[in-house]
Amino acid sequence: MAEPQVGERLRQLVNGYQITQAIYVAVTLRLPDLLGEGSRTAADLAIAVNADERSLYRLLRALAALDILAEERHGEHSSFTLTEMGQLLRRDVPGSLAGWAGFVARPYHWEAWGDLLHTVRTGEQAFAARHEGESVWVWRQRHPEESRIFDRAMSAISAAVAGRLAESYDFSRFRSLVDLGGGDGTLLATVLPRHPRLRGVLFDLPHVVAGAHQVLAAAGVADRCDIAAGSFFGHVPSGGEAYILKSILHDWDDAASTQVLHRIREASQPGATLLIIERTLDDVDPSPVAAMSDLNMMLNTGGAERTTTEWKVLLHTALFKLTQSIDIGLGWSVLEATKR
């Protein structure tokens, strides 16, 4: 018979969706931002966010049980403060995960996960099946608010990874860095300040790069970074010494990924370096985070997280050669490649 703690651990895993929703609601109501100003009661917060006081108290109590908040009793009343972990749900702190927490339980994303059984049985991508064959990218373009929420989520993830990348990888040998699918410029805004000789090019869809100048200007690198709009399936900026794809190719199957790589091969100068920043699945013992991310790709985009062996095969097909793989921590790797 299994030990009691094994059953308790399993119960926590089974009920994980409840925690996701509790955190999502807290971030959507901006409770962590309000609590960043100091201790507050449920009654005070209920007025601030226009919520039912009793229901809100029960949410706050649950978050305290999860060590996201701390509850302080004052007789019959309580006040709440953020714990160290809860601080990371504020929008204005380094390493904030507020953007991701505010996206991951959006109804359309949640519904795709609800169709996991359908995808496992049929192999059909869940999001496309639910939306009459439409891709999640086209759907977000038709829903600008959802696109903005998704972009904030990607920026939250990019900020943490970009910091590790800037610390772990030597960009000093390059004079130009082209960030394909670079979103609002968070990665370039992190890397360029450390390398004064390096110029950047930010490339993404027009609605994605619309606010990038502000991000780059805030980092003091707007004068060293050009912004270009377009689709990397059609063309990419030419002449770069290094091209970077962070969390891009995992969104696409091998055929589409090969198409993107061909566009880079055509545009890049001789001797150019390709940098792919992704979670890499271990061939034998993949991390839970990477394995769950792989399921997320399967359901929502039709892509996949790949093993090092699978990356080598993909790059070989696109006439690139994997030269090295660098672990930068947090489960992320830099896959460095050159044209064959």
C-alpha atoms as a PDB file:
ATOM      1  CA  MET A   1       0.000   0.000   0.000  1.00  0.00           C
ATOM      2  CA  ALA A   2       1.274   3.475  -0.879  1.00  0.00           C
ATOM      3  CA  GLU A   3       2.411   5.765   1.910  1.00  0.00           C
ATOM      4  CA  PRO A   4      -0.154   8.450   2.901  1.00  0.00           C
ATOM      5  CA  GLN A   5       2.100  11.251   1.659  1.00  0.00           C
ATOM      6  CA  VAL A   6       2.134   9.658  -1.815  1.00  0.00           C
ATOM      7  CA  GLY A   7      -1.646   9.859  -1.962  1.00  0.00           C
ATOM      8  CA  GLU A   8      -1.572  13.449  -0.732  1.00  0.00           C
ATOM      9  CA  ARG A   9       0.951  14.388  -3.409  1.00  0.00           C
ATOM     10  CA  LEU A  10      -1.248  12.752  -6.050  1.00  0.00           C
ATOM     11  CA  ARG A  11      -4.291  14.625  -4.756  1.00  0.00           C
ATOM     12  CA  GLN A  12      -2.415  17.919  -5.085  1.00  0.00           C
ATOM     13  CA  LEU A  13      -1.516  17.086  -8.679  1.00  0.00           C
ATOM     14  CA  VAL A  14      -5.082  16.100  -9.532  1.00  0.00           C
ATOM     15  CA  ASN A  15      -6.411  19.351  -8.058  1.00  0.00           C
ATOM     16  CA  GLY A  16      -3.738  21.567  -9.597  1.00  0.00           C
ATOM     17  CA  TYR A  17      -6.288  23.364 -11.794  1.00  0.00           C
ATOM     18  CA  GLN A  18      -7.842  24.865  -8.662  1.00  0.00           C
ATOM     19  CA  ILE A  19      -4.588  26.588  -7.733  1.00  0.00           C
ATOM     20  CA  THR A  20      -4.164  27.885 -11.289  1.00  0.00           C
ATOM     21  CA  GLN A  21      -7.600  29.490 -11.181  1.00  0.00           C
ATOM     22  CA  ALA A  22      -7.101  31.015  -7.727  1.00  0.00           C
ATOM     23  CA  ILE A  23      -3.840  32.676  -8.799  1.00  0.00           C
ATOM     24  CA  TYR A  24      -5.350  33.768 -12.121  1.00  0.00           C
ATOM     25  CA  VAL A  25      -8.267  35.495 -10.390  1.00  0.00           C
ATOM     26  CA  ALA A  26      -5.932  37.213  -7.920  1.00  0.00           C
ATOM     27  CA  VAL A  27      -3.764  38.591 -10.732  1.00  0.00           C
ATOM     28  CA  THR A  28      -6.749  39.569 -12.874  1.00  0.00           C
ATOM     29  CA  LEU A  29      -8.126  41.580  -9.926  1.00  0.00           C
ATOM     30  CA  ARG A  30      -4.607  43.029  -9.418  1.00  0.00           C
ATOM     31  CA  LEU A  31      -4.614  41.952  -5.771  1.00  0.00           C
ATOM     32  CA  PRO A  32      -0.813  41.462  -5.639  1.00  0.00           C
ATOM     33  CA  ASP A  33      -0.288  45.017  -6.914  1.00  0.00           C
ATOM     34  CA  LEU A  34      -2.633  46.414  -4.289  1.00  0.00           C
ATOM     35  CA  LEU A  35      -0.974  44.378  -1.547  1.00  0.00           C
ATOM     36  CA  GLY A  36       2.411  45.598  -2.725  1.00  0.00           C
ATOM     37  CA  GLU A  37       1.434  48.888  -1.095  1.00  0.00           C
ATOM     38  CA  GLY A  38       1.106  47.200   2.305  1.00  0.00           C
ATOM     39  CA  SER A  39      -1.181  45.124   4.515  1.00  0.00           C
ATOM     40  CA  ARG A  40      -4.905  45.317   3.666  1.00  0.00           C
ATOM     41  CA  THR A  41      -8.125  43.722   4.840  1.00  0.00           C
ATOM     42  CA  ALA A  42     -10.582  41.789   2.725  1.00  0.00           C
ATOM     43  CA  ALA A  43     -13.130  44.576   3.231  1.00  0.00           C
ATOM     44  CA  ASP A  44     -10.684  47.198   1.978  1.00  0.00           C
ATOM     45  CA  LEU A  45      -9.681  45.097  -1.025  1.00  0.00           C
ATOM     46  CA  ALA A  46     -13.280  44.251  -1.877  1.00  0.00           C
ATOM     47  CA  ILE A  47     -14.051  47.955  -2.254  1.00  0.00           C
ATOM     48  CA  ALA A  48     -10.904  48.526  -4.311  1.00  0.00           C
ATOM     49  CA  VAL A  49     -11.629  45.745  -6.822  1.00  0.00           C
ATOM     50  CA  ASN A  50     -15.442  45.808  -6.695  1.00  0.00           C
ATOM     51  CA  ALA A  51     -15.801  42.270  -5.323  1.00  0.00           C
ATOM     52  CA  ASP A  52     -17.989  40.466  -2.813  1.00  0.00           C
ATOM     53  CA  GLU A  53     -16.224  40.775   0.546  1.00  0.00           C
ATOM     54  CA  ARG A  54     -16.957  37.287   1.874  1.00  0.00           C
ATOM     55  CA  SER A  55     -16.051  35.561  -1.382  1.00  0.00           C
ATOM     56  CA  LEU A  56     -12.890  37.608  -1.674  1.00  0.00           C
ATOM     57  CA  TYR A  57     -11.878  36.760   1.884  1.00  0.00           C
ATOM     58  CA  ARG A  58     -12.193  33.059   1.090  1.00  0.00           C
ATOM     59  CA  LEU A  59      -9.955  33.502  -1.954  1.00  0.00           C
ATOM     60  CA  LEU A  60      -7.384  35.412   0.115  1.00  0.00           C
ATOM     61  CA  ARG A  61      -7.470  32.716   2.801  1.00  0.00           C
ATOM     62  CA  ALA A  62      -6.847  30.017   0.183  1.00  0.00           C
ATOM     63  CA  LEU A  63      -3.908  31.980  -1.230  1.00  0.00           C
ATOM     64  CA  ALA A  64      -2.514  32.281   2.288  1.00  0.00           C
ATOM     65  CA  ALA A  65      -2.788  28.502   2.660  1.00  0.00           C
ATOM     66  CA  LEU A  66      -0.661  28.237  -0.496  1.00  0.00           C
ATOM     67  CA  ASP A  67       1.988  30.564   0.968  1.00  0.00           C
ATOM     68  CA  ILE A  68       1.285  33.235  -1.642  1.00  0.00           C
ATOM     69  CA  LEU A  69      -0.162  35.524   1.020  1.00  0.00           C
ATOM     70  CA  ALA A  70       0.263  35.750   4.783  1.00  0.00           C
ATOM     71  CA  GLU A  71      -2.831  36.223   6.948  1.00  0.00           C
ATOM     72  CA  GLU A  72      -2.498  38.257  10.126  1.00  0.00           C
ATOM     73  CA  ARG A  73      -5.301  37.891  12.678  1.00  0.00           C
ATOM     74  CA  HIS A  74      -6.487  40.941  14.613  1.00  0.00           C
ATOM     75  CA  GLY A  75      -9.211  39.637  16.890  1.00  0.00           C
ATOM     76  CA  GLU A  76     -12.163  38.805  14.657  1.00  0.00           C
ATOM     77  CA  HIS A  77     -10.602  40.478  11.648  1.00  0.00           C
ATOM     78  CA  SER A  78      -7.701  39.658   9.348  1.00  0.00           C
ATOM     79  CA  SER A  79      -5.314  41.524   7.123  1.00  0.00           C
ATOM     80  CA  PHE A  80      -3.194  40.112   4.327  1.00  0.00           C
ATOM     81  CA  THR A  81       0.325  40.739   3.051  1.00  0.00           C
ATOM     82  CA  LEU A  82       2.385  39.274   0.227  1.00  0.00           C
ATOM     83  CA  THR A  83       4.911  36.536   0.937  1.00  0.00           C
ATOM     84  CA  GLU A  84       8.217  36.340  -0.939  1.00  0.00           C
ATOM     85  CA  MET A  85       6.544  34.110  -3.515  1.00  0.00           C
ATOM     86  CA  GLY A  86       3.505  36.361  -3.744  1.00  0.00           C
ATOM     87  CA  GLN A  87       5.724  39.332  -4.555  1.00  0.00           C
ATOM     88  CA  LEU A  88       6.463  37.712  -7.923  1.00  0.00           C
ATOM     89  CA  LEU A  89       2.815  38.190  -8.903  1.00  0.00           C
ATOM     90  CA  ARG A  90       3.193  41.971  -8.838  1.00  0.00           C
ATOM     91  CA  ARG A  91       3.542  43.562 -12.258  1.00  0.00           C
ATOM     92  CA  ASP A  92       6.293  45.968 -11.231  1.00  0.00           C
ATOM     93  CA  VAL A  93       8.971  43.655  -9.788  1.00  0.00           C
ATOM     94  CA  PRO A  94      11.952  41.944 -11.472  1.00  0.00           C
ATOM     95  CA  GLY A  95      11.120  38.345 -12.364  1.00  0.00           C
ATOM     96  CA  SER A  96       7.370  39.008 -12.253  1.00  0.00           C
ATOM     97  CA  LEU A  97       5.156  36.117 -13.380  1.00  0.00           C
ATOM     98  CA  ALA A  98       2.007  38.239 -13.349  1.00  0.00           C
ATOM     99  CA  GLY A  99       1.820  38.263 -17.139  1.00  0.00           C
ATOM    100  CA  TRP A 100       1.961  34.480 -17.348  1.00  0.00           C
ATOM    101  CA  ALA A 101      -0.481  33.952 -14.474  1.00  0.00           C
ATOM    102  CA  GLY A 102      -2.917  36.375 -16.109  1.00  0.00           C
ATOM    103  CA  PHE A 103      -2.826  34.414 -19.370  1.00  0.00           C
ATOM    104  CA  VAL A 104      -2.672  30.747 -18.499  1.00  0.00           C
ATOM    105  CA  ALA A 105      -6.316  30.443 -17.377  1.00  0.00           C
ATOM    106  CA  ARG A 106      -7.887  32.549 -20.126  1.00  0.00           C
ATOM    107  CA  PRO A 107     -11.025  30.683 -21.288  1.00  0.00           C
ATOM    108  CA  TYR A 108      -9.811  29.806 -24.796  1.00  0.00           C
ATOM    109  CA  HIS A 109      -6.505  28.448 -23.458  1.00  0.00           C
ATOM    110  CA  TRP A 110      -8.285  26.604 -20.649  1.00  0.00           C
ATOM    111  CA  GLU A 111     -10.763  25.038 -23.099  1.00  0.00           C
ATOM    112  CA  ALA A 112      -7.991  23.648 -25.292  1.00  0.00           C
ATOM    113  CA  TRP A 113      -6.537  21.846 -22.278  1.00  0.00           C
ATOM    114  CA  GLY A 114     -10.027  20.542 -21.569  1.00  0.00           C
ATOM    115  CA  ASP A 115      -9.864  18.795 -24.947  1.00  0.00           C
ATOM    116  CA  LEU A 116      -6.671  16.880 -24.164  1.00  0.00           C
ATOM    117  CA  LEU A 117      -8.553  13.573 -24.289  1.00  0.00           C
ATOM    118  CA  HIS A 118      -9.770  14.390 -27.810  1.00  0.00           C
ATOM    119  CA  THR A 119      -6.229  15.145 -28.995  1.00  0.00           C
ATOM    120  CA  VAL A 120      -4.759  12.011 -27.427  1.00  0.00           C
ATOM    121  CA  ARG A 121      -7.453   9.864 -29.046  1.00  0.00           C
ATOM    122  CA  THR A 122      -7.401  11.474 -32.500  1.00  0.00           C
ATOM    123  CA  GLY A 123      -4.085  13.321 -32.868  1.00  0.00           C
ATOM    124  CA  GLU A 124      -6.058  16.432 -33.823  1.00  0.00           C
ATOM    125  CA  GLN A 125      -4.824  19.748 -32.421  1.00  0.00           C
ATOM    126  CA  ALA A 126      -7.309  20.788 -29.739  1.00  0.00           C
ATOM    127  CA  PHE A 127      -7.478  24.511 -30.432  1.00  0.00           C
ATOM    128  CA  ALA A 128      -7.962  24.093 -34.169  1.00  0.00           C
ATOM    129  CA  ALA A 129     -10.602  21.398 -33.620  1.00  0.00           C
ATOM    130  CA  ARG A 130     -12.605  23.698 -31.332  1.00  0.00           C
ATOM    131  CA  HIS A 131     -12.249  26.722 -33.661  1.00  0.00           C
ATOM    132  CA  GLU A 132     -13.106  25.192 -37.028  1.00  0.00           C
ATOM    133  CA  GLY A 133      -9.529  24.791 -38.151  1.00  0.00           C
ATOM    134  CA  GLU A 134      -8.414  28.321 -37.308  1.00  0.00           C
ATOM    135  CA  SER A 135      -4.938  28.646 -35.775  1.00  0.00           C
ATOM    136  CA  VAL A 136      -4.453  30.265 -32.392  1.00  0.00           C
ATOM    137  CA  TRP A 137      -2.314  32.968 -34.064  1.00  0.00           C
ATOM    138  CA  VAL A 138      -5.077  34.035 -36.453  1.00  0.00           C
ATOM    139  CA  TRP A 139      -7.648  33.829 -33.654  1.00  0.00           C
ATOM    140  CA  ARG A 140      -5.593  36.170 -31.443  1.00  0.00           C
ATOM    141  CA  GLN A 141      -5.216  38.644 -34.285  1.00  0.00           C
ATOM    142  CA  ARG A 142      -9.013  38.807 -34.414  1.00  0.00           C
ATOM    143  CA  HIS A 143      -9.143  39.286 -30.639  1.00  0.00           C
ATOM    144  CA  PRO A 144      -6.727  42.155 -29.884  1.00  0.00           C
ATOM    145  CA  GLU A 145      -7.242  42.097 -26.110  1.00  0.00           C
ATOM    146  CA  GLU A 146      -6.346  38.404 -25.973  1.00  0.00           C
ATOM    147  CA  SER A 147      -3.305  39.138 -28.119  1.00  0.00           C
ATOM    148  CA  ARG A 148      -2.176  41.812 -25.653  1.00  0.00           C
ATOM    149  CA  ILE A 149      -2.633  39.438 -22.711  1.00  0.00           C
ATOM    150  CA  PHE A 150      -0.617  36.764 -24.528  1.00  0.00           C
ATOM    151  CA  ASP A 151       2.139  39.258 -25.360  1.00  0.00           C
ATOM    152  CA  ARG A 152       2.388  40.225 -21.679  1.00  0.00           C
ATOM    153  CA  ALA A 153       2.720  36.541 -20.794  1.00  0.00           C
ATOM    154  CA  MET A 154       5.525  36.083 -23.308  1.00  0.00           C
ATOM    155  CA  SER A 155       7.288  39.191 -21.989  1.00  0.00           C
ATOM    156  CA  ALA A 156       7.126  37.788 -18.458  1.00  0.00           C
ATOM    157  CA  ILE A 157       8.813  34.574 -19.583  1.00  0.00           C
ATOM    158  CA  SER A 158      11.273  36.401 -21.838  1.00  0.00           C
ATOM    159  CA  ALA A 159      12.445  38.704 -19.056  1.00  0.00           C
ATOM    160  CA  ALA A 160      13.666  35.840 -16.876  1.00  0.00           C
ATOM    161  CA  VAL A 161      15.225  33.871 -19.733  1.00  0.00           C
ATOM    162  CA  ALA A 162      16.778  36.968 -21.320  1.00  0.00           C
ATOM    163  CA  GLY A 163      18.612  37.756 -18.089  1.00  0.00           C
ATOM    164  CA  ARG A 164      20.125  34.274 -17.951  1.00  0.00           C
ATOM    165  CA  LEU A 165      20.974  34.410 -21.643  1.00  0.00           C
ATOM    166  CA  ALA A 166      22.733  37.774 -21.304  1.00  0.00           C
ATOM    167  CA  GLU A 167      24.769  36.432 -18.380  1.00  0.00           C
ATOM    168  CA  SER A 168      25.606  33.041 -19.891  1.00  0.00           C
ATOM    169  CA  TYR A 169      26.244  33.627 -23.587  1.00  0.00           C
ATOM    170  CA  ASP A 170      29.059  35.709 -25.120  1.00  0.00           C
ATOM    171  CA  PHE A 171      27.558  38.126 -27.659  1.00  0.00           C
ATOM    172  CA  SER A 172      30.721  40.249 -27.848  1.00  0.00           C
ATOM    173  CA  ARG A 173      31.890  38.547 -31.058  1.00  0.00           C
ATOM    174  CA  PHE A 174      28.843  39.818 -32.959  1.00  0.00           C
ATOM    175  CA  ARG A 175      28.131  43.282 -34.315  1.00  0.00           C
ATOM    176  CA  SER A 176      24.503  42.627 -35.298  1.00  0.00           C
ATOM    177  CA  LEU A 177      21.805  40.474 -33.698  1.00  0.00           C
ATOM    178  CA  VAL A 178      18.436  39.850 -35.362  1.00  0.00           C
ATOM    179  CA  ASP A 179      15.690  38.758 -32.955  1.00  0.00           C
ATOM    180  CA  LEU A 180      13.019  36.950 -34.965  1.00  0.00           C
ATOM    181  CA  GLY A 181       9.624  36.798 -33.307  1.00  0.00           C
ATOM    182  CA  GLY A 182      11.085  39.033 -30.600  1.00  0.00           C
ATOM    183  CA  GLY A 183       7.782  40.383 -29.312  1.00  0.00           C
ATOM    184  CA  ASP A 184       8.026  43.729 -27.567  1.00  0.00           C
ATOM    185  CA  GLY A 185      11.830  43.734 -27.552  1.00  0.00           C
ATOM    186  CA  THR A 186      12.365  42.451 -24.018  1.00  0.00           C
ATOM    187  CA  LEU A 187      15.236  40.161 -25.015  1.00  0.00           C
ATOM    188  CA  LEU A 188      17.123  42.817 -26.996  1.00  0.00           C
ATOM    189  CA  ALA A 189      16.463  45.365 -24.235  1.00  0.00           C
ATOM    190  CA  THR A 190      18.263  42.976 -21.874  1.00  0.00           C
ATOM    191  CA  VAL A 191      21.182  41.924 -24.093  1.00  0.00           C
ATOM    192  CA  LEU A 192      22.116  45.180 -25.856  1.00  0.00           C
ATOM    193  CA  PRO A 193      22.959  47.249 -22.733  1.00  0.00           C
ATOM    194  CA  ARG A 194      25.714  44.737 -21.885  1.00  0.00           C
ATOM    195  CA  HIS A 195      27.325  45.010 -25.330  1.00  0.00           C
ATOM    196  CA  PRO A 196      27.738  48.630 -26.492  1.00  0.00           C
ATOM    197  CA  ARG A 197      29.122  47.610 -29.932  1.00  0.00           C
ATOM    198  CA  LEU A 198      26.166  45.368 -30.719  1.00  0.00           C
ATOM    199  CA  ARG A 199      23.252  46.545 -32.858  1.00  0.00           C
ATOM    200  CA  GLY A 200      19.906  44.813 -32.856  1.00  0.00           C
ATOM    201  CA  VAL A 201      17.014  44.239 -35.227  1.00  0.00           C
ATOM    202  CA  LEU A 202      13.621  43.368 -33.766  1.00  0.00           C
ATOM    203  CA  PHE A 203      11.329  41.489 -36.158  1.00  0.00           C
ATOM    204  CA  ASP A 204       7.763  40.398 -35.487  1.00  0.00           C
ATOM    205  CA  LEU A 205       4.212  40.909 -36.716  1.00  0.00           C
ATOM    206  CA  PRO A 206       3.077  44.556 -36.944  1.00  0.00           C
ATOM    207  CA  HIS A 207       0.630  44.442 -34.026  1.00  0.00           C
ATOM    208  CA  VAL A 208       3.243  42.716 -31.819  1.00  0.00           C
ATOM    209  CA  VAL A 209       6.050  45.266 -32.289  1.00  0.00           C
ATOM    210  CA  ALA A 210       3.699  48.249 -32.000  1.00  0.00           C
ATOM    211  CA  GLY A 211       4.866  49.098 -28.463  1.00  0.00           C
ATOM    212  CA  ALA A 212       8.451  47.908 -28.749  1.00  0.00           C
ATOM    213  CA  HIS A 213      10.041  51.354 -29.099  1.00  0.00           C
ATOM    214  CA  GLN A 214       8.978  52.213 -25.543  1.00  0.00           C
ATOM    215  CA  VAL A 215      10.592  49.033 -24.163  1.00  0.00           C
ATOM    216  CA  LEU A 216      13.821  49.653 -26.059  1.00  0.00           C
ATOM    217  CA  ALA A 217      13.877  53.353 -25.151  1.00  0.00           C
ATOM    218  CA  ALA A 218      13.418  52.546 -21.468  1.00  0.00           C
ATOM    219  CA  ALA A 219      16.497  50.311 -21.684  1.00  0.00           C
ATOM    220  CA  GLY A 220      18.453  53.077 -23.428  1.00  0.00           C
ATOM    221  CA  VAL A 221      19.029  51.092 -26.633  1.00  0.00           C
ATOM    222  CA  ALA A 222      16.398  52.455 -29.021  1.00  0.00           C
ATOM    223  CA  ASP A 223      19.136  54.172 -31.057  1.00  0.00           C
ATOM    224  CA  ARG A 224      20.903  50.818 -31.555  1.00  0.00           C
ATOM    225  CA  CYS A 225      17.894  48.736 -32.515  1.00  0.00           C
ATOM    226  CA  ASP A 226      15.838  48.807 -35.710  1.00  0.00           C
ATOM    227  CA  ILE A 227      12.257  47.572 -35.653  1.00  0.00           C
ATOM    228  CA  ALA A 228      10.901  45.701 -38.679  1.00  0.00           C
ATOM    229  CA  ALA A 229       7.462  44.170 -39.144  1.00  0.00           C
ATOM    230  CA  GLY A 230       6.601  41.041 -41.080  1.00  0.00           C
ATOM    231  CA  SER A 231       6.221  37.266 -41.001  1.00  0.00           C
ATOM    232  CA  PHE A 232       9.254  35.029 -40.750  1.00  0.00           C
ATOM    233  CA  PHE A 233       7.536  32.596 -43.116  1.00  0.00           C
ATOM    234  CA  GLY A 234       7.828  35.141 -45.917  1.00  0.00           C
ATOM    235  CA  HIS A 235      11.126  36.888 -45.320  1.00  0.00           C
ATOM    236  CA  VAL A 236      13.486  37.922 -42.540  1.00  0.00           C
ATOM    237  CA  PRO A 237      15.881  40.901 -42.291  1.00  0.00           C
ATOM    238  CA  SER A 238      19.071  40.216 -44.218  1.00  0.00           C
ATOM    239  CA  GLY A 239      22.741  40.547 -43.334  1.00  0.00           C
ATOM    240  CA  GLY A 240      22.707  39.639 -39.641  1.00  0.00           C
ATOM    241  CA  GLU A 241      25.783  38.106 -38.062  1.00  0.00           C
ATOM    242  CA  ALA A 242      23.578  36.311 -35.535  1.00  0.00           C
ATOM    243  CA  TYR A 243      19.907  35.358 -35.663  1.00  0.00           C
ATOM    244  CA  ILE A 244      18.030  34.431 -32.527  1.00  0.00           C
ATOM    245  CA  LEU A 245      14.810  32.442 -32.191  1.00  0.00           C
ATOM    246  CA  LYS A 246      13.560  32.352 -28.619  1.00  0.00           C
ATOM    247  CA  SER A 247      10.512  30.181 -27.930  1.00  0.00           C
ATOM    248  CA  ILE A 248       9.591  30.271 -31.619  1.00  0.00           C
ATOM    249  CA  LEU A 249      10.240  26.929 -33.270  1.00  0.00           C
ATOM    250  CA  HIS A 250       8.530  24.972 -30.502  1.00  0.00           C
ATOM    251  CA  ASP A 251       5.296  26.598 -31.718  1.00  0.00           C
ATOM    252  CA  TRP A 252       5.549  24.889 -35.104  1.00  0.00           C
ATOM    253  CA  ASP A 253       5.806  21.399 -36.528  1.00  0.00           C
ATOM    254  CA  ASP A 254       8.923  20.273 -38.407  1.00  0.00           C
ATOM    255  CA  ALA A 255       7.659  21.361 -41.838  1.00  0.00           C
ATOM    256  CA  ALA A 256       6.853  24.912 -40.725  1.00  0.00           C
ATOM    257  CA  SER A 257      10.036  25.153 -38.632  1.00  0.00           C
ATOM    258  CA  THR A 258      12.098  24.094 -41.639  1.00  0.00           C
ATOM    259  CA  GLN A 259      10.474  26.855 -43.677  1.00  0.00           C
ATOM    260  CA  VAL A 260      11.507  29.456 -41.086  1.00  0.00           C
ATOM    261  CA  LEU A 261      15.052  28.081 -41.014  1.00  0.00           C
ATOM    262  CA  HIS A 262      15.256  28.271 -44.814  1.00  0.00           C
ATOM    263  CA  ARG A 263      14.287  31.980 -44.664  1.00  0.00           C
ATOM    264  CA  ILE A 264      17.132  32.561 -42.188  1.00  0.00           C
ATOM    265  CA  ARG A 265      19.567  30.633 -44.345  1.00  0.00           C
ATOM    266  CA  GLU A 266      18.661  32.771 -47.356  1.00  0.00           C
ATOM    267  CA  ALA A 267      18.960  36.077 -45.464  1.00  0.00           C
ATOM    268  CA  SER A 268      22.044  35.508 -43.326  1.00  0.00           C
ATOM    269  CA  GLN A 269      25.587  36.384 -44.349  1.00  0.00           C
ATOM    270  CA  PRO A 270      28.295  33.699 -44.708  1.00  0.00           C
ATOM    271  CA  GLY A 271      29.462  32.448 -41.332  1.00  0.00           C
ATOM    272  CA  ALA A 272      26.378  33.735 -39.527  1.00  0.00           C
ATOM    273  CA  THR A 273      25.346  32.073 -36.273  1.00  0.00           C
ATOM    274  CA  LEU A 274      21.862  30.826 -35.465  1.00  0.00           C
ATOM    275  CA  LEU A 275      20.848  30.800 -31.799  1.00  0.00           C
ATOM    276  CA  ILE A 276      17.774  28.787 -30.814  1.00  0.00           C
ATOM    277  CA  ILE A 277      16.612  29.367 -27.230  1.00  0.00           C
ATOM    278  CA  GLU A 278      14.231  26.645 -26.091  1.00  0.00           C
ATOM    279  CA  ARG A 279      13.433  24.167 -23.370  1.00  0.00           C
ATOM    280  CA  THR A 280      15.132  20.950 -24.443  1.00  0.00           C
ATOM    281  CA  LEU A 281      13.494  17.651 -23.586  1.00  0.00           C
ATOM    282  CA  ASP A 282      15.896  15.191 -22.042  1.00  0.00           C
ATOM    283  CA  ASP A 283      15.909  11.985 -24.086  1.00  0.00           C
ATOM    284  CA  VAL A 284      15.664   9.812 -20.959  1.00  0.00           C
ATOM    285  CA  ASP A 285      14.281  11.853 -18.071  1.00  0.00           C
ATOM    286  CA  PRO A 286      12.502  15.048 -19.219  1.00  0.00           C
ATOM    287  CA  SER A 287      11.585  17.622 -16.588  1.00  0.00           C
ATOM    288  CA  PRO A 288       7.882  17.971 -15.684  1.00  0.00           C
ATOM    289  CA  VAL A 289       7.939  21.596 -16.883  1.00  0.00           C
ATOM    290  CA  ALA A 290       9.314  20.655 -20.312  1.00  0.00           C
ATOM    291  CA  ALA A 291       6.959  17.684 -20.655  1.00  0.00           C
ATOM    292  CA  MET A 292       3.910  19.800 -19.780  1.00  0.00           C
ATOM    293  CA  SER A 293       5.078  22.521 -22.152  1.00  0.00           C
ATOM    294  CA  ASP A 294       5.227  19.875 -24.869  1.00  0.00           C
ATOM    295  CA  LEU A 295       1.591  18.986 -24.217  1.00  0.00           C
ATOM    296  CA  ASN A 296       0.708  22.688 -24.355  1.00  0.00           C
ATOM    297  CA  MET A 297       2.304  22.950 -27.795  1.00  0.00           C
ATOM    298  CA  MET A 298       0.478  19.828 -28.942  1.00  0.00           C
ATOM    299  CA  LEU A 299      -2.886  21.259 -27.886  1.00  0.00           C
ATOM    300  CA  ASN A 300      -2.613  24.924 -28.826  1.00  0.00           C
ATOM    301  CA  THR A 301      -0.131  25.384 -31.660  1.00  0.00           C
ATOM    302  CA  GLY A 302       0.604  22.011 -33.223  1.00  0.00           C
ATOM    303  CA  GLY A 303       4.273  22.364 -32.298  1.00  0.00           C
ATOM    304  CA  ALA A 304       6.448  20.415 -29.875  1.00  0.00           C
ATOM    305  CA  GLU A 305       9.298  20.615 -27.423  1.00  0.00           C
ATOM    306  CA  ARG A 306      12.206  18.639 -28.882  1.00  0.00           C
ATOM    307  CA  THR A 307      15.066  16.515 -27.658  1.00  0.00           C
ATOM    308  CA  THR A 308      18.642  17.351 -28.655  1.00  0.00           C
ATOM    309  CA  THR A 309      18.517  14.489 -31.156  1.00  0.00           C
ATOM    310  CA  GLU A 310      15.347  15.899 -32.705  1.00  0.00           C
ATOM    311  CA  TRP A 311      16.917  19.364 -32.929  1.00  0.00           C
ATOM    312  CA  LYS A 312      19.925  17.905 -34.744  1.00  0.00           C
ATOM    313  CA  VAL A 313      17.651  16.195 -37.270  1.00  0.00           C
ATOM    314  CA  LEU A 314      15.559  19.331 -37.827  1.00  0.00           C
ATOM    315  CA  LEU A 315      18.621  21.511 -38.306  1.00  0.00           C
ATOM    316  CA  HIS A 316      20.222  18.980 -40.641  1.00  0.00           C
ATOM    317  CA  THR A 317      17.067  18.941 -42.786  1.00  0.00           C
ATOM    318  CA  ALA A 318      17.233  22.753 -43.025  1.00  0.00           C
ATOM    319  CA  LEU A 319      20.944  22.612 -43.964  1.00  0.00           C
ATOM    320  CA  PHE A 320      22.240  23.808 -40.608  1.00  0.00           C
ATOM    321  CA  LYS A 321      24.643  22.068 -38.241  1.00  0.00           C
ATOM    322  CA  LEU A 322      24.294  22.091 -34.452  1.00  0.00           C
ATOM    323  CA  THR A 323      27.682  23.210 -33.099  1.00  0.00           C
ATOM    324  CA  GLN A 324      26.994  23.313 -29.378  1.00  0.00           C
ATOM    325  CA  SER A 325      24.257  23.287 -26.739  1.00  0.00           C
ATOM    326  CA  ILE A 326      24.630  25.524 -23.683  1.00  0.00           C
ATOM    327  CA  ASP A 327      22.550  25.084 -20.535  1.00  0.00           C
ATOM    328  CA  ILE A 328      21.655  28.564 -19.237  1.00  0.00           C
ATOM    329  CA  GLY A 329      19.574  27.370 -16.288  1.00  0.00           C
ATOM    330  CA  LEU A 330      15.857  27.516 -15.501  1.00  0.00           C
ATOM    331  CA  GLY A 331      15.438  24.547 -17.850  1.00  0.00           C
ATOM    332  CA  TRP A 332      16.511  26.524 -20.940  1.00  0.00           C
ATOM    333  CA  SER A 333      19.264  25.885 -23.479  1.00  0.00           C
ATOM    334  CA  VAL A 334      21.028  27.828 -26.227  1.00  0.00           C
ATOM    335  CA  LEU A 335      21.350  25.690 -29.343  1.00  0.00           C
ATOM    336  CA  GLU A 336      24.065  27.233 -31.516  1.00  0.00           C
ATOM    337  CA  ALA A 337      24.117  26.342 -35.204  1.00  0.00           C
ATOM    338  CA  THR A 338      25.760  27.402 -38.453  1.00  0.00           C
ATOM    339  CA  LYS A 339      24.894  26.875 -42.107  1.00  0.00           C
ATOM    340  CA  ARG A 340      26.166  23.657 -43.645  1.00  0.00           C
END
